[in-house]
Amino acid sequence: MSVTATVPRRRRRLAVTAGVSLLALAATGCSGLGRTAVGPVTYATEREAVIQVNSPSVRGCHRIAPAGAHEVENGTLVDVILYRTPDCTGRGTTYVPTRFSDVTAPGSGPWRSYSFVH
């Protein structure tokens, strides 16, 4: 094997490595489209049922069980906003940072949906 034969192989390997690196970089750039909030959102309903949603999408509005929730624990890596309406609108929202929980005040009514701050 000559020295001149190893130069084209080395260039080919570098080109393949660069191509794979660019492909990986492009794939991670598009992965934000399906991003999830890593970890669970756990809530207790007014009927004392405990529901846990693991790694929900960070996009959109997430409805809580029809009975609503009176206690929510944000075990994800993304902050949550809780709403009293089923469509993530209106006033009376509650901000729950990552790894925190919140409980409704007596007589304030349950939360009915949540969204992520992203």
C-alpha atoms as a PDB file:
ATOM      1  CA  MET A   1       0.000   0.000   0.000  1.00  0.00           C
ATOM      2  CA  SER A   2       1.417   3.334  -0.972  1.00  0.00           C
ATOM      3  CA  VAL A   3       1.298   6.645   0.861  1.00  0.00           C
ATOM      4  CA  THR A   4      -0.728   8.202  -1.955  1.00  0.00           C
ATOM      5  CA  ALA A   5      -3.499   5.585  -1.506  1.00  0.00           C
ATOM      6  CA  THR A   6      -3.984   6.453   2.189  1.00  0.00           C
ATOM      7  CA  VAL A   7      -4.552  10.172   1.525  1.00  0.00           C
ATOM      8  CA  PRO A   8      -7.797   9.651  -0.467  1.00  0.00           C
ATOM      9  CA  ARG A   9      -9.063   7.197   2.192  1.00  0.00           C
ATOM     10  CA  ARG A  10      -8.341   9.677   4.940  1.00  0.00           C
ATOM     11  CA  ARG A  11     -10.179  12.423   3.030  1.00  0.00           C
ATOM     12  CA  ARG A  12     -13.109  10.067   2.449  1.00  0.00           C
ATOM     13  CA  ARG A  13     -13.269   9.229   6.168  1.00  0.00           C
ATOM     14  CA  LEU A  14     -13.169  12.922   7.059  1.00  0.00           C
ATOM     15  CA  ALA A  15     -15.919  13.645   4.545  1.00  0.00           C
ATOM     16  CA  VAL A  16     -18.096  10.829   5.919  1.00  0.00           C
ATOM     17  CA  THR A  17     -17.489  11.969   9.505  1.00  0.00           C
ATOM     18  CA  ALA A  18     -18.355  15.568   8.597  1.00  0.00           C
ATOM     19  CA  GLY A  19     -21.497  14.410   6.761  1.00  0.00           C
ATOM     20  CA  VAL A  20     -22.665  12.303   9.714  1.00  0.00           C
ATOM     21  CA  SER A  21     -21.990  15.191  12.093  1.00  0.00           C
ATOM     22  CA  LEU A  22     -24.019  17.601   9.947  1.00  0.00           C
ATOM     23  CA  LEU A  23     -26.863  15.088   9.695  1.00  0.00           C
ATOM     24  CA  ALA A  24     -26.907  14.659  13.477  1.00  0.00           C
ATOM     25  CA  LEU A  25     -26.869  18.421  13.954  1.00  0.00           C
ATOM     26  CA  ALA A  26     -29.774  18.858  11.527  1.00  0.00           C
ATOM     27  CA  ALA A  27     -31.770  16.136  13.290  1.00  0.00           C
ATOM     28  CA  THR A  28     -31.339  17.747  16.693  1.00  0.00           C
ATOM     29  CA  GLY A  29     -32.395  21.098  15.259  1.00  0.00           C
ATOM     30  CA  CYS A  30     -35.673  19.571  14.103  1.00  0.00           C
ATOM     31  CA  SER A  31     -36.236  17.665  17.340  1.00  0.00           C
ATOM     32  CA  GLY A  32     -37.724  20.808  18.919  1.00  0.00           C
ATOM     33  CA  LEU A  33     -40.890  20.120  16.954  1.00  0.00           C
ATOM     34  CA  GLY A  34     -41.746  17.176  19.195  1.00  0.00           C
ATOM     35  CA  ARG A  35     -40.134  18.366  22.424  1.00  0.00           C
ATOM     36  CA  THR A  36     -41.468  16.991  25.659  1.00  0.00           C
ATOM     37  CA  ALA A  37     -41.291  18.271  29.201  1.00  0.00           C
ATOM     38  CA  VAL A  38     -39.069  15.555  30.630  1.00  0.00           C
ATOM     39  CA  GLY A  39     -40.638  14.210  33.820  1.00  0.00           C
ATOM     40  CA  PRO A  40     -44.147  13.851  35.232  1.00  0.00           C
ATOM     41  CA  VAL A  41     -46.989  16.270  35.871  1.00  0.00           C
ATOM     42  CA  THR A  42     -48.981  14.771  38.736  1.00  0.00           C
ATOM     43  CA  TYR A  43     -52.313  16.070  39.960  1.00  0.00           C
ATOM     44  CA  ALA A  44     -55.032  15.117  42.421  1.00  0.00           C
ATOM     45  CA  THR A  45     -58.634  15.607  41.331  1.00  0.00           C
ATOM     46  CA  GLU A  46     -61.464  16.900  43.462  1.00  0.00           C
ATOM     47  CA  ARG A  47     -62.540  13.236  43.770  1.00  0.00           C
ATOM     48  CA  GLU A  48     -59.101  12.336  45.223  1.00  0.00           C
ATOM     49  CA  ALA A  49     -57.899  10.422  42.141  1.00  0.00           C
ATOM     50  CA  VAL A  50     -54.173  10.891  41.506  1.00  0.00           C
ATOM     51  CA  ILE A  51     -53.237  11.167  37.822  1.00  0.00           C
ATOM     52  CA  GLN A  52     -49.703  11.279  36.448  1.00  0.00           C
ATOM     53  CA  VAL A  53     -48.831  12.379  32.901  1.00  0.00           C
ATOM     54  CA  ASN A  54     -45.263  11.471  31.951  1.00  0.00           C
ATOM     55  CA  SER A  55     -43.270  13.760  29.661  1.00  0.00           C
ATOM     56  CA  PRO A  56     -46.144  15.623  27.973  1.00  0.00           C
ATOM     57  CA  SER A  57     -45.490  17.778  24.907  1.00  0.00           C
ATOM     58  CA  VAL A  58     -44.338  21.309  25.704  1.00  0.00           C
ATOM     59  CA  ARG A  59     -46.647  22.622  22.980  1.00  0.00           C
ATOM     60  CA  GLY A  60     -50.340  23.299  23.321  1.00  0.00           C
ATOM     61  CA  CYS A  61     -52.916  23.201  26.052  1.00  0.00           C
ATOM     62  CA  HIS A  62     -53.306  20.092  28.213  1.00  0.00           C
ATOM     63  CA  ARG A  63     -56.720  19.409  29.716  1.00  0.00           C
ATOM     64  CA  ILE A  64     -57.000  18.095  33.236  1.00  0.00           C
ATOM     65  CA  ALA A  65     -59.571  15.438  34.168  1.00  0.00           C
ATOM     66  CA  PRO A  66     -63.197  16.693  33.998  1.00  0.00           C
ATOM     67  CA  ALA A  67     -63.404  16.946  37.793  1.00  0.00           C
ATOM     68  CA  GLY A  68     -60.450  19.368  37.759  1.00  0.00           C
ATOM     69  CA  ALA A  69     -57.411  19.317  40.028  1.00  0.00           C
ATOM     70  CA  HIS A  70     -56.886  20.849  43.435  1.00  0.00           C
ATOM     71  CA  GLU A  71     -53.222  19.880  43.773  1.00  0.00           C
ATOM     72  CA  VAL A  72     -50.578  19.828  41.023  1.00  0.00           C
ATOM     73  CA  GLU A  73     -46.944  18.773  41.227  1.00  0.00           C
ATOM     74  CA  ASN A  74     -44.635  19.818  38.397  1.00  0.00           C
ATOM     75  CA  GLY A  75     -41.918  17.171  38.265  1.00  0.00           C
ATOM     76  CA  THR A  76     -40.807  18.202  34.766  1.00  0.00           C
ATOM     77  CA  LEU A  77     -37.848  20.282  33.662  1.00  0.00           C
ATOM     78  CA  VAL A  78     -40.161  23.010  32.288  1.00  0.00           C
ATOM     79  CA  ASP A  79     -42.304  25.566  34.178  1.00  0.00           C
ATOM     80  CA  VAL A  80     -46.111  25.174  34.070  1.00  0.00           C
ATOM     81  CA  ILE A  81     -49.019  27.626  34.009  1.00  0.00           C
ATOM     82  CA  LEU A  82     -52.300  26.335  35.486  1.00  0.00           C
ATOM     83  CA  TYR A  83     -55.693  27.621  34.295  1.00  0.00           C
ATOM     84  CA  ARG A  84     -59.200  27.455  35.745  1.00  0.00           C
ATOM     85  CA  THR A  85     -60.653  26.991  32.240  1.00  0.00           C
ATOM     86  CA  PRO A  86     -60.389  23.854  30.057  1.00  0.00           C
ATOM     87  CA  ASP A  87     -58.805  25.784  27.152  1.00  0.00           C
ATOM     88  CA  CYS A  88     -55.821  27.516  28.814  1.00  0.00           C
ATOM     89  CA  THR A  89     -57.425  30.954  28.717  1.00  0.00           C
ATOM     90  CA  GLY A  90     -58.757  33.441  31.218  1.00  0.00           C
ATOM     91  CA  ARG A  91     -57.632  35.017  34.426  1.00  0.00           C
ATOM     92  CA  GLY A  92     -56.666  33.455  37.716  1.00  0.00           C
ATOM     93  CA  THR A  93     -53.677  31.533  36.422  1.00  0.00           C
ATOM     94  CA  THR A  94     -51.037  29.984  38.664  1.00  0.00           C
ATOM     95  CA  TYR A  95     -47.347  29.683  37.781  1.00  0.00           C
ATOM     96  CA  VAL A  96     -45.639  26.494  38.994  1.00  0.00           C
ATOM     97  CA  PRO A  97     -41.864  26.360  38.464  1.00  0.00           C
ATOM     98  CA  THR A  98     -40.078  23.125  37.699  1.00  0.00           C
ATOM     99  CA  ARG A  99     -39.879  20.668  40.616  1.00  0.00           C
ATOM    100  CA  PHE A 100     -42.540  22.544  42.643  1.00  0.00           C
ATOM    101  CA  SER A 101     -46.173  21.912  43.530  1.00  0.00           C
ATOM    102  CA  ASP A 102     -49.202  24.017  44.305  1.00  0.00           C
ATOM    103  CA  VAL A 103     -52.546  23.533  46.044  1.00  0.00           C
ATOM    104  CA  THR A 104     -55.729  25.512  45.355  1.00  0.00           C
ATOM    105  CA  ALA A 105     -56.979  27.893  47.973  1.00  0.00           C
ATOM    106  CA  PRO A 106     -60.182  26.787  49.737  1.00  0.00           C
ATOM    107  CA  GLY A 107     -63.226  27.796  47.726  1.00  0.00           C
ATOM    108  CA  SER A 108     -61.235  28.939  44.668  1.00  0.00           C
ATOM    109  CA  GLY A 109     -62.292  26.142  42.328  1.00  0.00           C
ATOM    110  CA  PRO A 110     -60.136  23.550  40.580  1.00  0.00           C
ATOM    111  CA  TRP A 111     -57.642  23.914  37.767  1.00  0.00           C
ATOM    112  CA  ARG A 112     -58.899  22.550  34.470  1.00  0.00           C
ATOM    113  CA  SER A 113     -55.885  22.841  32.116  1.00  0.00           C
ATOM    114  CA  TYR A 114     -52.193  23.636  31.941  1.00  0.00           C
ATOM    115  CA  SER A 115     -49.555  24.728  29.462  1.00  0.00           C
ATOM    116  CA  PHE A 116     -45.766  24.946  29.525  1.00  0.00           C
ATOM    117  CA  VAL A 117     -43.569  28.027  29.462  1.00  0.00           C
ATOM    118  CA  HIS A 118     -41.144  27.494  26.585  1.00  0.00           C
END
